[in-house]
């Protein structure tokens, strides 16, 4: 592996899709049954950040892929540049098609996306925020206190970044893109 870290996976759905035997021993996995029509992703994300026992917390959508070098750069910015939040990409978020996504899932080689970069759709131009970020937990708690209700998707990464900027907290962006794996769209896919 590339990193020595703690990994927590929270699967939330009508029924469990990840079998316990598919999870490595060094990964904490839990399942929460939720049949609500609208998935309150930010509520669960906030809860997991509060429960984290580390000074830095990385939040990645399951369909977001960044290179290991970009992730390390983003983590290092929290240590060396006193950033409150860092993104392991430079705000370019590319949508990958079904074929390239299938190849990546078999090979885990990000080069497949880099080789076809000019053929990929750039989501939100050069100004995307979301999909993956790493946060200084203390700084996060200055923005969202423990008692604040983060229950809907209105509290997206854009809002978090804006709140941090108002408080003059440093936001860091690594050089390089983020890739969005293809998947069938659900009723919640249009929400941030």
N, C-alpha and C. Protein backbone atom coordinates (compact mmCIF):
# COMPACT_ATOMS: atom_id res chain seq x y z
N UNK A 1 0.81 -1.19 0.00
CA UNK A 1 0.00 0.00 0.00
C UNK A 1 0.85 1.25 0.00
N UNK A 2 0.21 2.34 -0.24
CA UNK A 2 0.87 3.64 -0.31
C UNK A 2 0.91 4.35 1.04
N UNK A 3 -0.06 4.05 1.92
CA UNK A 3 -0.23 4.81 3.14
C UNK A 3 -0.37 3.91 4.35
N UNK A 4 0.14 4.38 5.47
CA UNK A 4 -0.16 3.74 6.74
C UNK A 4 -1.17 4.66 7.42
N UNK A 5 -2.40 4.21 7.48
CA UNK A 5 -3.46 5.08 7.96
C UNK A 5 -4.61 4.26 8.53
N UNK A 6 -5.54 4.93 9.14
CA UNK A 6 -6.76 4.31 9.62
C UNK A 6 -7.84 4.52 8.56
N UNK A 7 -8.57 3.48 8.22
CA UNK A 7 -9.63 3.58 7.22
C UNK A 7 -10.94 3.14 7.85
N UNK A 8 -11.93 3.99 7.70
CA UNK A 8 -13.29 3.67 8.16
C UNK A 8 -14.22 3.73 6.96
N UNK A 9 -15.02 2.70 6.82
CA UNK A 9 -16.04 2.66 5.76
C UNK A 9 -17.39 2.53 6.44
N UNK A 10 -18.29 3.42 6.08
CA UNK A 10 -19.66 3.34 6.55
C UNK A 10 -20.55 3.14 5.33
N UNK A 11 -21.14 1.97 5.23
CA UNK A 11 -22.06 1.68 4.14
C UNK A 11 -23.47 1.96 4.63
N UNK A 12 -24.19 2.80 3.89
CA UNK A 12 -25.54 3.18 4.26
C UNK A 12 -26.45 2.91 3.07
N UNK A 13 -27.43 2.03 3.28
CA UNK A 13 -28.31 1.65 2.17
C UNK A 13 -29.49 0.86 2.73
N UNK A 14 -30.40 0.47 1.85
CA UNK A 14 -31.52 -0.39 2.25
C UNK A 14 -31.02 -1.74 2.74
N UNK A 15 -30.01 -2.25 2.04
CA UNK A 15 -29.44 -3.55 2.40
C UNK A 15 -27.93 -3.52 2.22
N UNK A 16 -27.24 -4.41 2.91
CA UNK A 16 -25.78 -4.46 2.87
C UNK A 16 -25.31 -5.03 1.54
N UNK A 17 -24.33 -4.34 0.92
CA UNK A 17 -23.77 -4.79 -0.36
C UNK A 17 -22.32 -5.27 -0.22
N UNK A 18 -21.65 -4.84 0.84
CA UNK A 18 -20.26 -5.23 1.06
C UNK A 18 -20.25 -6.36 2.08
N UNK A 19 -19.68 -7.48 1.69
CA UNK A 19 -19.60 -8.61 2.60
C UNK A 19 -18.43 -8.42 3.56
N UNK A 20 -18.59 -8.86 4.79
CA UNK A 20 -17.54 -8.72 5.80
C UNK A 20 -16.21 -9.32 5.35
N UNK A 21 -16.27 -10.43 4.61
CA UNK A 21 -15.04 -11.08 4.18
C UNK A 21 -14.28 -10.27 3.13
N UNK A 22 -14.92 -9.26 2.53
CA UNK A 22 -14.25 -8.43 1.53
C UNK A 22 -13.42 -7.31 2.15
N UNK A 23 -13.54 -7.13 3.46
CA UNK A 23 -12.87 -6.03 4.15
C UNK A 23 -11.58 -6.52 4.80
N UNK A 24 -10.48 -5.81 4.54
CA UNK A 24 -9.20 -6.13 5.17
C UNK A 24 -9.29 -5.91 6.68
N UNK A 25 -8.40 -6.58 7.39
CA UNK A 25 -8.38 -6.48 8.85
C UNK A 25 -8.08 -5.08 9.36
N UNK A 26 -7.33 -4.29 8.59
CA UNK A 26 -6.95 -2.96 9.04
C UNK A 26 -8.00 -1.89 8.70
N UNK A 27 -9.15 -2.30 8.23
CA UNK A 27 -10.21 -1.37 7.86
C UNK A 27 -11.41 -1.58 8.79
N UNK A 28 -11.90 -0.48 9.34
CA UNK A 28 -13.09 -0.52 10.17
C UNK A 28 -14.31 -0.34 9.26
N UNK A 29 -15.21 -1.29 9.29
CA UNK A 29 -16.38 -1.27 8.42
C UNK A 29 -17.65 -1.40 9.26
N UNK A 30 -18.63 -0.61 8.94
CA UNK A 30 -19.94 -0.77 9.58
C UNK A 30 -21.03 -0.49 8.55
N UNK A 31 -22.18 -1.09 8.81
CA UNK A 31 -23.34 -0.94 7.93
C UNK A 31 -24.48 -0.33 8.72
N UNK A 32 -25.15 0.64 8.11
CA UNK A 32 -26.31 1.27 8.71
C UNK A 32 -27.46 1.19 7.71
N UNK A 33 -28.53 0.56 8.12
CA UNK A 33 -29.68 0.46 7.23
C UNK A 33 -30.42 1.80 7.21
N UNK A 34 -30.67 2.29 6.02
CA UNK A 34 -31.35 3.56 5.84
C UNK A 34 -32.21 3.47 4.59
N UNK A 35 -33.50 3.63 4.74
CA UNK A 35 -34.42 3.52 3.61
C UNK A 35 -35.00 4.87 3.20
N UNK A 36 -34.43 5.95 3.71
CA UNK A 36 -34.92 7.29 3.37
C UNK A 36 -34.79 7.54 1.87
N UNK A 37 -35.70 8.33 1.33
CA UNK A 37 -35.65 8.65 -0.10
C UNK A 37 -34.45 9.51 -0.45
N UNK A 38 -34.12 10.46 0.42
CA UNK A 38 -32.97 11.33 0.17
C UNK A 38 -31.86 10.96 1.14
N UNK A 39 -30.71 10.66 0.58
CA UNK A 39 -29.55 10.26 1.36
C UNK A 39 -28.90 11.49 1.97
N UNK A 40 -28.80 11.54 3.26
CA UNK A 40 -28.23 12.68 3.98
C UNK A 40 -26.73 12.47 4.19
N UNK A 41 -26.00 12.49 3.08
CA UNK A 41 -24.58 12.19 3.10
C UNK A 41 -23.80 13.08 4.05
N UNK A 42 -24.05 14.38 4.01
CA UNK A 42 -23.29 15.31 4.86
C UNK A 42 -23.53 15.06 6.34
N UNK A 43 -24.72 14.64 6.70
CA UNK A 43 -25.00 14.31 8.10
C UNK A 43 -24.08 13.18 8.57
N UNK A 44 -23.99 12.12 7.77
CA UNK A 44 -23.16 10.97 8.15
C UNK A 44 -21.67 11.32 8.07
N UNK A 45 -21.31 12.12 7.08
CA UNK A 45 -19.91 12.56 6.95
C UNK A 45 -19.49 13.35 8.19
N UNK A 46 -20.34 14.27 8.62
CA UNK A 46 -20.08 15.09 9.81
C UNK A 46 -19.92 14.19 11.04
N UNK A 47 -20.80 13.22 11.18
CA UNK A 47 -20.76 12.29 12.31
C UNK A 47 -19.44 11.52 12.33
N UNK A 48 -18.99 11.06 11.17
CA UNK A 48 -17.73 10.30 11.10
C UNK A 48 -16.52 11.19 11.41
N UNK A 49 -16.56 12.44 10.98
CA UNK A 49 -15.47 13.36 11.30
C UNK A 49 -15.40 13.58 12.81
N UNK A 50 -16.55 13.78 13.43
CA UNK A 50 -16.58 13.96 14.89
C UNK A 50 -16.05 12.74 15.63
N UNK A 51 -16.31 11.54 15.10
CA UNK A 51 -15.89 10.30 15.75
C UNK A 51 -14.42 9.96 15.48
N UNK A 52 -13.81 10.60 14.51
CA UNK A 52 -12.42 10.30 14.17
C UNK A 52 -11.51 10.60 15.35
N UNK A 53 -10.52 9.74 15.54
CA UNK A 53 -9.58 9.88 16.66
C UNK A 53 -8.22 10.39 16.20
N UNK A 54 -8.17 10.95 15.01
CA UNK A 54 -6.92 11.45 14.45
C UNK A 54 -7.03 12.96 14.22
N UNK A 55 -5.89 13.67 14.13
CA UNK A 55 -5.95 15.12 13.94
C UNK A 55 -6.37 15.52 12.52
N UNK A 56 -6.21 14.63 11.56
CA UNK A 56 -6.59 14.90 10.19
C UNK A 56 -7.55 13.82 9.71
N UNK A 57 -8.52 14.23 8.92
CA UNK A 57 -9.53 13.29 8.43
C UNK A 57 -9.65 13.48 6.92
N UNK A 58 -9.52 12.38 6.18
CA UNK A 58 -9.71 12.40 4.73
C UNK A 58 -11.11 11.90 4.42
N UNK A 59 -11.82 12.64 3.60
CA UNK A 59 -13.17 12.28 3.20
C UNK A 59 -13.17 12.11 1.68
N UNK A 60 -13.43 10.87 1.25
CA UNK A 60 -13.46 10.57 -0.18
C UNK A 60 -14.79 9.94 -0.55
N UNK A 61 -15.40 10.44 -1.62
CA UNK A 61 -16.53 9.73 -2.19
C UNK A 61 -16.01 8.40 -2.71
N UNK A 62 -16.82 7.36 -2.67
CA UNK A 62 -16.35 6.04 -3.10
C UNK A 62 -16.04 6.00 -4.59
N UNK A 63 -16.51 6.97 -5.35
CA UNK A 63 -16.27 6.98 -6.79
C UNK A 63 -15.23 8.02 -7.21
N UNK A 64 -14.49 8.58 -6.25
CA UNK A 64 -13.48 9.60 -6.52
C UNK A 64 -12.08 9.01 -6.41
N UNK A 65 -11.25 9.24 -7.43
CA UNK A 65 -9.91 8.67 -7.49
C UNK A 65 -8.88 9.79 -7.70
N UNK A 66 -7.90 9.84 -6.80
CA UNK A 66 -6.77 10.77 -6.94
C UNK A 66 -5.49 9.95 -6.89
N UNK A 67 -4.43 10.45 -7.48
CA UNK A 67 -3.17 9.72 -7.45
C UNK A 67 -2.61 9.72 -6.03
N UNK A 68 -1.87 8.67 -5.66
CA UNK A 68 -1.26 8.62 -4.32
C UNK A 68 -0.35 9.83 -4.05
N UNK A 69 0.38 10.27 -5.06
CA UNK A 69 1.26 11.44 -4.89
C UNK A 69 0.48 12.70 -4.55
N UNK A 70 -0.67 12.88 -5.18
CA UNK A 70 -1.51 14.04 -4.90
C UNK A 70 -2.07 13.96 -3.48
N UNK A 71 -2.44 12.77 -3.05
CA UNK A 71 -2.97 12.60 -1.70
C UNK A 71 -1.88 12.93 -0.67
N UNK A 72 -0.67 12.42 -0.89
CA UNK A 72 0.44 12.72 0.02
C UNK A 72 0.75 14.21 0.06
N UNK A 73 0.71 14.85 -1.09
CA UNK A 73 0.93 16.29 -1.16
C UNK A 73 -0.12 17.03 -0.34
N UNK A 74 -1.38 16.61 -0.46
CA UNK A 74 -2.46 17.26 0.28
C UNK A 74 -2.29 17.07 1.79
N UNK A 75 -1.91 15.86 2.20
CA UNK A 75 -1.67 15.59 3.62
C UNK A 75 -0.50 16.44 4.12
N UNK A 76 0.57 16.48 3.36
CA UNK A 76 1.75 17.25 3.77
C UNK A 76 1.43 18.74 3.92
N UNK A 77 0.49 19.25 3.13
CA UNK A 77 0.13 20.67 3.23
C UNK A 77 -0.50 20.98 4.59
N UNK A 78 -1.19 20.01 5.15
CA UNK A 78 -1.77 20.21 6.48
C UNK A 78 -0.68 20.29 7.54
N UNK A 79 0.39 19.53 7.35
CA UNK A 79 1.51 19.52 8.30
C UNK A 79 2.41 20.75 8.11
N UNK A 80 2.86 20.97 6.88
CA UNK A 80 3.92 21.94 6.65
C UNK A 80 3.44 23.34 6.32
N UNK A 81 2.27 23.48 5.77
CA UNK A 81 1.81 24.80 5.35
C UNK A 81 0.66 25.32 6.21
N UNK A 82 0.35 24.60 7.26
CA UNK A 82 -0.70 25.00 8.19
C UNK A 82 -2.04 25.23 7.50
N UNK A 83 -2.32 24.43 6.50
CA UNK A 83 -3.62 24.52 5.83
C UNK A 83 -4.69 23.92 6.74
N UNK A 84 -5.87 24.46 6.68
CA UNK A 84 -7.00 23.93 7.45
C UNK A 84 -7.68 22.81 6.68
N UNK A 85 -7.61 22.90 5.37
CA UNK A 85 -8.26 21.94 4.50
C UNK A 85 -7.43 21.82 3.23
N UNK A 86 -7.35 20.61 2.71
CA UNK A 86 -6.62 20.45 1.44
C UNK A 86 -7.39 19.50 0.54
N UNK A 87 -7.28 19.77 -0.72
CA UNK A 87 -7.89 18.93 -1.75
C UNK A 87 -6.77 18.22 -2.50
N UNK A 88 -6.89 16.92 -2.73
CA UNK A 88 -5.84 16.19 -3.45
C UNK A 88 -5.96 16.36 -4.97
N UNK A 89 -6.44 17.50 -5.39
CA UNK A 89 -6.56 17.82 -6.81
C UNK A 89 -6.70 19.33 -6.97
N UNK A 90 -6.54 19.80 -8.20
CA UNK A 90 -6.50 21.23 -8.47
C UNK A 90 -7.82 21.79 -8.99
N UNK A 91 -8.92 21.21 -8.56
CA UNK A 91 -10.29 21.62 -8.88
C UNK A 91 -10.76 21.13 -10.24
N UNK A 92 -9.93 20.32 -10.91
CA UNK A 92 -10.37 19.65 -12.15
C UNK A 92 -10.87 18.26 -11.76
N UNK A 93 -12.12 17.97 -12.09
CA UNK A 93 -12.75 16.70 -11.73
C UNK A 93 -13.33 16.11 -13.00
N UNK A 94 -12.70 15.04 -13.47
CA UNK A 94 -13.08 14.44 -14.75
C UNK A 94 -14.01 13.25 -14.57
N UNK A 95 -15.03 13.19 -15.40
CA UNK A 95 -15.94 12.03 -15.43
C UNK A 95 -15.33 10.97 -16.34
N UNK A 96 -15.23 9.76 -15.84
CA UNK A 96 -14.68 8.65 -16.61
C UNK A 96 -15.83 7.79 -17.13
N UNK A 97 -15.67 7.27 -18.32
CA UNK A 97 -16.74 6.45 -18.89
C UNK A 97 -16.72 5.04 -18.31
N UNK A 98 -17.71 4.25 -18.68
CA UNK A 98 -17.87 2.90 -18.12
C UNK A 98 -16.69 2.00 -18.46
N UNK A 99 -16.16 2.10 -19.66
CA UNK A 99 -15.07 1.23 -20.09
C UNK A 99 -13.80 1.52 -19.28
N UNK A 100 -13.40 2.79 -19.22
CA UNK A 100 -12.19 3.13 -18.46
C UNK A 100 -12.36 2.82 -16.97
N UNK A 101 -13.55 3.06 -16.44
CA UNK A 101 -13.81 2.75 -15.03
C UNK A 101 -13.68 1.26 -14.76
N UNK A 102 -14.15 0.45 -15.68
CA UNK A 102 -14.06 -1.01 -15.52
C UNK A 102 -12.60 -1.46 -15.55
N UNK A 103 -11.81 -0.87 -16.46
CA UNK A 103 -10.38 -1.21 -16.54
C UNK A 103 -9.69 -0.81 -15.24
N UNK A 104 -10.01 0.40 -14.73
CA UNK A 104 -9.38 0.85 -13.48
C UNK A 104 -9.73 -0.08 -12.32
N UNK A 105 -10.96 -0.50 -12.24
CA UNK A 105 -11.38 -1.38 -11.13
C UNK A 105 -10.62 -2.71 -11.15
N UNK A 106 -10.17 -3.12 -12.33
CA UNK A 106 -9.39 -4.37 -12.43
C UNK A 106 -7.90 -4.13 -12.17
N UNK A 107 -7.37 -3.00 -12.65
CA UNK A 107 -5.93 -2.77 -12.59
C UNK A 107 -5.48 -1.85 -11.45
N UNK A 108 -6.36 -0.99 -10.98
CA UNK A 108 -6.05 0.04 -9.99
C UNK A 108 -4.93 0.96 -10.45
N UNK A 109 -4.79 1.11 -11.75
CA UNK A 109 -3.74 1.94 -12.34
C UNK A 109 -4.35 3.25 -12.84
N UNK A 110 -4.06 4.34 -12.14
CA UNK A 110 -4.64 5.64 -12.49
C UNK A 110 -4.14 6.16 -13.84
N UNK A 111 -3.06 5.58 -14.32
CA UNK A 111 -2.48 6.00 -15.61
C UNK A 111 -3.50 5.84 -16.75
N UNK A 112 -4.43 4.90 -16.62
CA UNK A 112 -5.44 4.72 -17.67
C UNK A 112 -6.24 6.00 -17.88
N UNK A 113 -6.52 6.71 -16.80
CA UNK A 113 -7.26 7.98 -16.93
C UNK A 113 -6.35 9.09 -17.45
N UNK A 114 -5.13 9.11 -16.96
CA UNK A 114 -4.19 10.14 -17.38
C UNK A 114 -3.90 10.04 -18.87
N UNK A 115 -3.82 8.81 -19.40
CA UNK A 115 -3.55 8.60 -20.83
C UNK A 115 -4.69 9.09 -21.72
N UNK A 116 -5.91 9.09 -21.19
CA UNK A 116 -7.09 9.49 -21.97
C UNK A 116 -7.69 10.80 -21.49
N UNK A 117 -6.91 11.59 -20.78
CA UNK A 117 -7.40 12.82 -20.16
C UNK A 117 -8.12 13.75 -21.14
N UNK A 118 -7.58 13.90 -22.34
CA UNK A 118 -8.19 14.81 -23.31
C UNK A 118 -9.55 14.32 -23.80
N UNK A 119 -9.86 13.06 -23.57
CA UNK A 119 -11.16 12.50 -24.00
C UNK A 119 -12.19 12.49 -22.88
N UNK A 120 -11.81 12.90 -21.68
CA UNK A 120 -12.72 12.84 -20.55
C UNK A 120 -13.48 14.15 -20.38
N UNK A 121 -14.69 14.04 -19.82
CA UNK A 121 -15.53 15.22 -19.58
C UNK A 121 -15.10 15.90 -18.28
N UNK A 122 -14.84 17.19 -18.35
CA UNK A 122 -14.45 17.98 -17.18
C UNK A 122 -15.70 18.51 -16.50
N UNK A 123 -16.00 17.98 -15.31
CA UNK A 123 -17.17 18.41 -14.54
C UNK A 123 -16.91 19.79 -13.95
N UNK A 124 -17.84 20.69 -14.04
CA UNK A 124 -17.78 22.01 -13.39
C UNK A 124 -16.58 22.84 -13.81
N UNK A 125 -16.07 22.63 -14.99
CA UNK A 125 -14.93 23.42 -15.45
C UNK A 125 -13.72 23.23 -14.55
N UNK A 126 -13.05 24.33 -14.22
CA UNK A 126 -11.86 24.28 -13.36
C UNK A 126 -12.18 24.77 -11.95
N UNK A 127 -13.42 24.60 -11.51
CA UNK A 127 -13.80 25.16 -10.21
C UNK A 127 -14.57 24.19 -9.33
N UNK A 128 -14.31 22.91 -9.48
CA UNK A 128 -15.04 21.91 -8.69
C UNK A 128 -14.47 21.85 -7.27
N UNK A 129 -15.36 21.71 -6.31
CA UNK A 129 -14.92 21.41 -4.94
C UNK A 129 -15.85 20.31 -4.43
N UNK A 130 -15.26 19.27 -3.97
CA UNK A 130 -16.03 18.12 -3.51
C UNK A 130 -15.39 16.85 -4.03
N UNK A 131 -15.95 15.73 -3.65
CA UNK A 131 -15.42 14.44 -4.10
C UNK A 131 -14.36 13.88 -3.19
N UNK A 132 -13.42 14.73 -2.78
CA UNK A 132 -12.33 14.29 -1.91
C UNK A 132 -11.69 15.51 -1.26
N UNK A 133 -11.51 15.43 0.04
CA UNK A 133 -10.77 16.47 0.75
C UNK A 133 -10.20 15.90 2.03
N UNK A 134 -9.22 16.61 2.58
CA UNK A 134 -8.58 16.23 3.83
C UNK A 134 -8.64 17.44 4.74
N UNK A 135 -9.04 17.21 5.97
CA UNK A 135 -9.33 18.33 6.85
C UNK A 135 -8.58 18.23 8.17
N UNK A 136 -8.18 19.37 8.68
CA UNK A 136 -7.65 19.46 10.04
C UNK A 136 -8.87 19.45 10.95
N UNK A 137 -9.00 18.44 11.79
CA UNK A 137 -10.21 18.26 12.59
C UNK A 137 -10.46 19.44 13.53
N UNK A 138 -9.41 19.98 14.14
CA UNK A 138 -9.57 21.13 15.06
C UNK A 138 -10.13 22.32 14.30
N UNK A 139 -9.59 22.58 13.11
CA UNK A 139 -10.08 23.71 12.30
C UNK A 139 -11.52 23.45 11.85
N UNK A 140 -11.84 22.21 11.51
CA UNK A 140 -13.20 21.85 11.12
C UNK A 140 -14.18 22.17 12.24
N UNK A 141 -13.77 21.85 13.47
CA UNK A 141 -14.65 22.10 14.62
C UNK A 141 -14.80 23.59 14.92
N UNK A 142 -13.88 24.41 14.43
CA UNK A 142 -14.06 25.86 14.55
C UNK A 142 -15.14 26.34 13.58
N UNK A 143 -15.32 25.61 12.50
CA UNK A 143 -16.31 25.97 11.50
C UNK A 143 -17.67 25.35 11.82
N UNK A 144 -17.67 24.07 12.12
CA UNK A 144 -18.90 23.35 12.49
C UNK A 144 -18.69 22.79 13.89
N UNK A 145 -19.36 23.37 14.87
CA UNK A 145 -19.18 22.84 16.21
C UNK A 145 -19.90 21.51 16.38
N UNK A 146 -19.59 20.82 17.46
CA UNK A 146 -20.12 19.47 17.69
C UNK A 146 -21.64 19.44 17.78
N UNK A 147 -22.24 20.51 18.23
CA UNK A 147 -23.68 20.53 18.42
C UNK A 147 -24.44 21.00 17.18
N UNK A 148 -23.73 21.59 16.24
CA UNK A 148 -24.40 22.09 15.05
C UNK A 148 -25.00 20.94 14.25
N UNK A 149 -26.17 21.15 13.75
CA UNK A 149 -26.85 20.12 13.00
C UNK A 149 -26.46 20.21 11.52
N UNK A 150 -25.71 19.23 11.07
CA UNK A 150 -25.34 19.13 9.67
C UNK A 150 -26.15 17.97 9.12
N UNK A 151 -27.37 18.26 8.71
CA UNK A 151 -28.28 17.17 8.37
C UNK A 151 -28.63 17.09 6.90
N UNK A 152 -28.30 18.10 6.13
CA UNK A 152 -28.69 18.00 4.73
C UNK A 152 -27.52 18.30 3.82
N UNK A 153 -27.74 18.13 2.57
CA UNK A 153 -26.67 18.28 1.59
C UNK A 153 -26.35 19.72 1.29
N UNK A 154 -27.04 20.67 1.92
CA UNK A 154 -26.70 22.07 1.74
C UNK A 154 -25.32 22.37 2.32
N UNK A 155 -24.89 21.56 3.30
CA UNK A 155 -23.56 21.73 3.88
C UNK A 155 -22.57 20.95 3.03
N UNK A 156 -22.35 21.40 1.83
CA UNK A 156 -21.44 20.71 0.93
C UNK A 156 -20.03 21.27 1.09
N UNK A 157 -19.11 20.76 0.29
CA UNK A 157 -17.72 21.23 0.37
C UNK A 157 -17.61 22.72 0.04
N UNK A 158 -18.43 23.17 -0.89
CA UNK A 158 -18.40 24.59 -1.27
C UNK A 158 -18.69 25.46 -0.05
N UNK A 159 -19.71 25.10 0.71
CA UNK A 159 -20.08 25.86 1.91
C UNK A 159 -18.96 25.80 2.94
N UNK A 160 -18.38 24.64 3.13
CA UNK A 160 -17.27 24.47 4.08
C UNK A 160 -16.09 25.35 3.68
N UNK A 161 -15.73 25.33 2.40
CA UNK A 161 -14.63 26.17 1.91
C UNK A 161 -14.93 27.64 2.15
N UNK A 162 -16.14 28.08 1.83
CA UNK A 162 -16.50 29.49 2.02
C UNK A 162 -16.45 29.89 3.49
N UNK A 163 -16.92 29.03 4.37
CA UNK A 163 -16.85 29.33 5.81
C UNK A 163 -15.40 29.44 6.26
N UNK A 164 -14.54 28.57 5.76
CA UNK A 164 -13.12 28.63 6.14
C UNK A 164 -12.46 29.89 5.60
N UNK A 165 -12.81 30.28 4.38
CA UNK A 165 -12.24 31.50 3.80
C UNK A 165 -12.65 32.74 4.61
N UNK A 166 -13.90 32.79 5.05
CA UNK A 166 -14.36 33.91 5.87
C UNK A 166 -13.55 33.99 7.16
N UNK A 167 -13.15 32.84 7.70
CA UNK A 167 -12.35 32.80 8.92
C UNK A 167 -10.84 32.88 8.64
N UNK A 168 -10.48 33.21 7.39
CA UNK A 168 -9.09 33.33 6.95
C UNK A 168 -8.27 32.06 7.16
N UNK A 169 -8.91 30.92 6.98
CA UNK A 169 -8.20 29.64 7.06
C UNK A 169 -7.67 29.29 5.67
N UNK A 170 -6.50 28.69 5.65
CA UNK A 170 -5.85 28.36 4.38
C UNK A 170 -6.43 27.09 3.77
N UNK A 171 -6.73 27.16 2.47
CA UNK A 171 -7.20 26.01 1.70
C UNK A 171 -6.10 25.69 0.68
N UNK A 172 -5.74 24.43 0.58
CA UNK A 172 -4.66 24.01 -0.32
C UNK A 172 -5.22 23.08 -1.40
N UNK A 173 -4.70 23.24 -2.62
CA UNK A 173 -5.08 22.37 -3.74
C UNK A 173 -3.82 21.74 -4.33
N UNK A 174 -3.77 20.42 -4.38
CA UNK A 174 -2.65 19.72 -5.01
C UNK A 174 -2.73 19.89 -6.52
N UNK A 175 -1.61 19.73 -7.18
CA UNK A 175 -1.57 19.78 -8.64
C UNK A 175 -1.97 18.43 -9.20
N UNK A 176 -2.91 18.44 -10.13
CA UNK A 176 -3.37 17.21 -10.76
C UNK A 176 -4.88 17.06 -10.60
N UNK A 177 -5.49 16.24 -11.45
CA UNK A 177 -6.95 16.10 -11.45
C UNK A 177 -7.46 15.03 -10.48
N UNK A 178 -8.77 15.05 -10.29
CA UNK A 178 -9.51 14.01 -9.60
C UNK A 178 -10.37 13.32 -10.66
N UNK A 179 -10.57 12.02 -10.51
CA UNK A 179 -11.35 11.27 -11.49
C UNK A 179 -12.60 10.69 -10.84
N UNK A 180 -13.70 10.78 -11.56
CA UNK A 180 -14.98 10.27 -11.09
C UNK A 180 -15.31 9.00 -11.85
N UNK A 181 -15.35 7.88 -11.13
CA UNK A 181 -15.68 6.60 -11.77
C UNK A 181 -17.13 6.59 -12.23
N UNK A 182 -17.35 5.97 -13.37
CA UNK A 182 -18.70 5.83 -13.88
C UNK A 182 -19.48 4.87 -12.98
N UNK A 183 -20.75 5.17 -12.80
CA UNK A 183 -21.69 4.27 -12.10
C UNK A 183 -23.09 4.66 -12.52
N UNK A 184 -24.03 3.72 -12.42
CA UNK A 184 -25.42 4.05 -12.75
C UNK A 184 -25.91 5.16 -11.82
N UNK A 185 -26.69 6.06 -12.35
CA UNK A 185 -27.21 7.18 -11.56
C UNK A 185 -28.41 6.72 -10.74
N UNK A 186 -28.49 7.24 -9.52
CA UNK A 186 -29.61 6.94 -8.65
C UNK A 186 -30.39 8.22 -8.41
N UNK A 187 -31.45 8.14 -7.63
CA UNK A 187 -32.25 9.33 -7.33
C UNK A 187 -31.45 10.37 -6.55
N UNK A 188 -30.37 9.98 -5.88
CA UNK A 188 -29.56 10.91 -5.11
C UNK A 188 -28.33 11.41 -5.86
N UNK A 189 -28.12 10.96 -7.08
CA UNK A 189 -26.91 11.31 -7.81
C UNK A 189 -26.83 12.78 -8.15
N UNK A 190 -27.93 13.47 -8.19
CA UNK A 190 -27.89 14.89 -8.55
C UNK A 190 -27.60 15.77 -7.36
N UNK A 191 -27.61 15.22 -6.15
CA UNK A 191 -27.32 16.00 -4.96
C UNK A 191 -25.82 16.12 -4.79
N UNK A 192 -25.33 17.26 -4.18
CA UNK A 192 -23.88 17.42 -3.99
C UNK A 192 -23.30 16.38 -3.06
